[in-house]
Amino acid sequence: MRITSRYENGTVFWRTFNKDDAMYFVGLMEGNLSYGESLQYDHPAGYFKMEMKSNGIFGGPIIAAGRVYSNSDEFILSREGHLERVTN
């Protein structure tokens, strides 16, 4: 999956989970994404869950964990904090 950030309200914290996870405490991978940066993430199984928060792990939610994403998805994180699908 690829996400390009156009989010203008600070750095975005992201982390991923296995697609079957029901609890979201410890992520598989995590990092920060700033305006203009892109994130490329590919889970070995091809599908995963992800969350994004503004300004760190304890920041406000942008994308809540729970939705399943695919390695083939491509998104733009809008300046308002919405994921806009480019491809599927």
Protein backbone atom coordinates (compact mmCIF):
# COMPACT_ATOMS: atom_id res chain seq x y z
CA MET A 1 0.00 0.00 0.00
CA ARG A 2 1.13 3.50 -0.70
CA ILE A 3 -0.04 6.69 1.01
CA THR A 4 1.10 10.19 0.14
CA SER A 5 0.43 12.83 2.80
CA ARG A 6 -1.10 16.20 2.04
CA TYR A 7 -2.08 16.56 5.70
CA GLU A 8 -1.18 20.11 6.79
CA ASN A 9 -1.84 19.92 10.54
CA GLY A 10 1.40 18.29 11.65
CA THR A 11 3.08 14.92 11.55
CA VAL A 12 0.94 11.79 11.33
CA PHE A 13 1.77 8.70 13.41
CA TRP A 14 0.85 5.40 11.73
CA ARG A 15 1.01 1.75 12.71
CA THR A 16 -0.20 -1.51 11.19
CA PHE A 17 -1.77 -4.70 12.54
CA ASN A 18 -2.60 -8.15 11.20
CA LYS A 19 -5.95 -8.22 9.40
CA ASP A 20 -7.46 -10.56 11.99
CA ASP A 21 -6.41 -8.53 15.05
CA ALA A 22 -9.29 -7.38 17.26
CA MET A 23 -7.18 -5.46 19.81
CA TYR A 24 -4.85 -2.63 18.78
CA PHE A 25 -2.08 -2.26 21.35
CA VAL A 26 1.17 -3.30 19.67
CA GLY A 27 1.61 -2.65 15.97
CA LEU A 28 3.64 -4.66 13.47
CA MET A 29 5.28 -1.58 11.98
CA GLU A 30 4.99 2.09 12.83
CA GLY A 31 6.37 5.44 11.88
CA ASN A 32 5.68 9.10 11.19
CA LEU A 33 4.53 10.73 7.98
CA SER A 34 4.95 14.45 7.28
CA TYR A 35 3.41 16.66 4.61
CA GLY A 36 4.66 15.69 1.14
CA GLU A 37 6.12 12.34 2.27
CA SER A 38 4.98 8.94 1.06
CA LEU A 39 4.63 5.68 2.92
CA GLN A 40 5.04 2.29 1.22
CA TYR A 41 3.93 -0.68 3.30
CA ASP A 42 3.52 -4.29 2.17
CA HIS A 43 2.31 -6.93 4.62
CA PRO A 44 3.53 -10.51 3.89
CA ALA A 45 -0.09 -11.77 3.83
CA GLY A 46 -1.21 -8.99 1.45
CA TYR A 47 -3.88 -7.57 3.81
CA PHE A 48 -3.61 -5.67 7.09
CA LYS A 49 -5.23 -3.09 9.36
CA MET A 50 -3.80 0.37 9.97
CA GLU A 51 -4.42 3.42 12.14
CA MET A 52 -3.22 7.01 11.87
CA LYS A 53 -3.11 9.65 14.59
CA SER A 54 -2.13 13.29 14.59
CA ASN A 55 1.02 14.18 16.51
CA GLY A 56 2.10 10.83 17.94
CA ILE A 57 0.71 7.66 19.43
CA PHE A 58 -1.47 9.57 21.92
CA GLY A 59 -2.68 12.14 19.38
CA GLY A 60 -6.16 12.48 17.99
CA PRO A 61 -7.40 9.79 15.62
CA ILE A 62 -7.26 10.46 11.89
CA ILE A 63 -7.91 6.90 10.71
CA ALA A 64 -9.21 4.46 13.33
CA ALA A 65 -7.86 0.90 13.35
CA GLY A 66 -10.28 -1.73 12.13
CA ARG A 67 -10.55 -1.35 8.38
CA VAL A 68 -8.67 -3.91 6.26
CA TYR A 69 -6.32 -2.57 3.58
CA SER A 70 -4.56 -4.34 0.73
CA ASN A 71 -0.95 -4.09 -0.43
CA SER A 72 -2.31 -2.94 -3.82
CA ASP A 73 -4.20 0.08 -2.38
CA GLU A 74 -2.94 3.58 -3.11
CA PHE A 75 -4.20 6.63 -1.22
CA ILE A 76 -3.65 10.32 -0.65
CA LEU A 77 -4.12 11.55 2.92
CA SER A 78 -5.92 14.85 2.31
CA ARG A 79 -5.10 18.09 4.07
CA GLU A 80 -8.20 17.50 6.23
CA GLY A 81 -7.08 13.99 7.20
CA HIS A 82 -9.25 11.85 4.90
CA LEU A 83 -7.93 8.89 2.91
CA GLU A 84 -8.76 9.41 -0.75
CA ARG A 85 -8.40 6.29 -2.88
CA VAL A 86 -6.21 6.63 -5.96
CA THR A 87 -6.31 2.95 -6.99
CA ASN A 88 -7.51 -0.37 -5.63
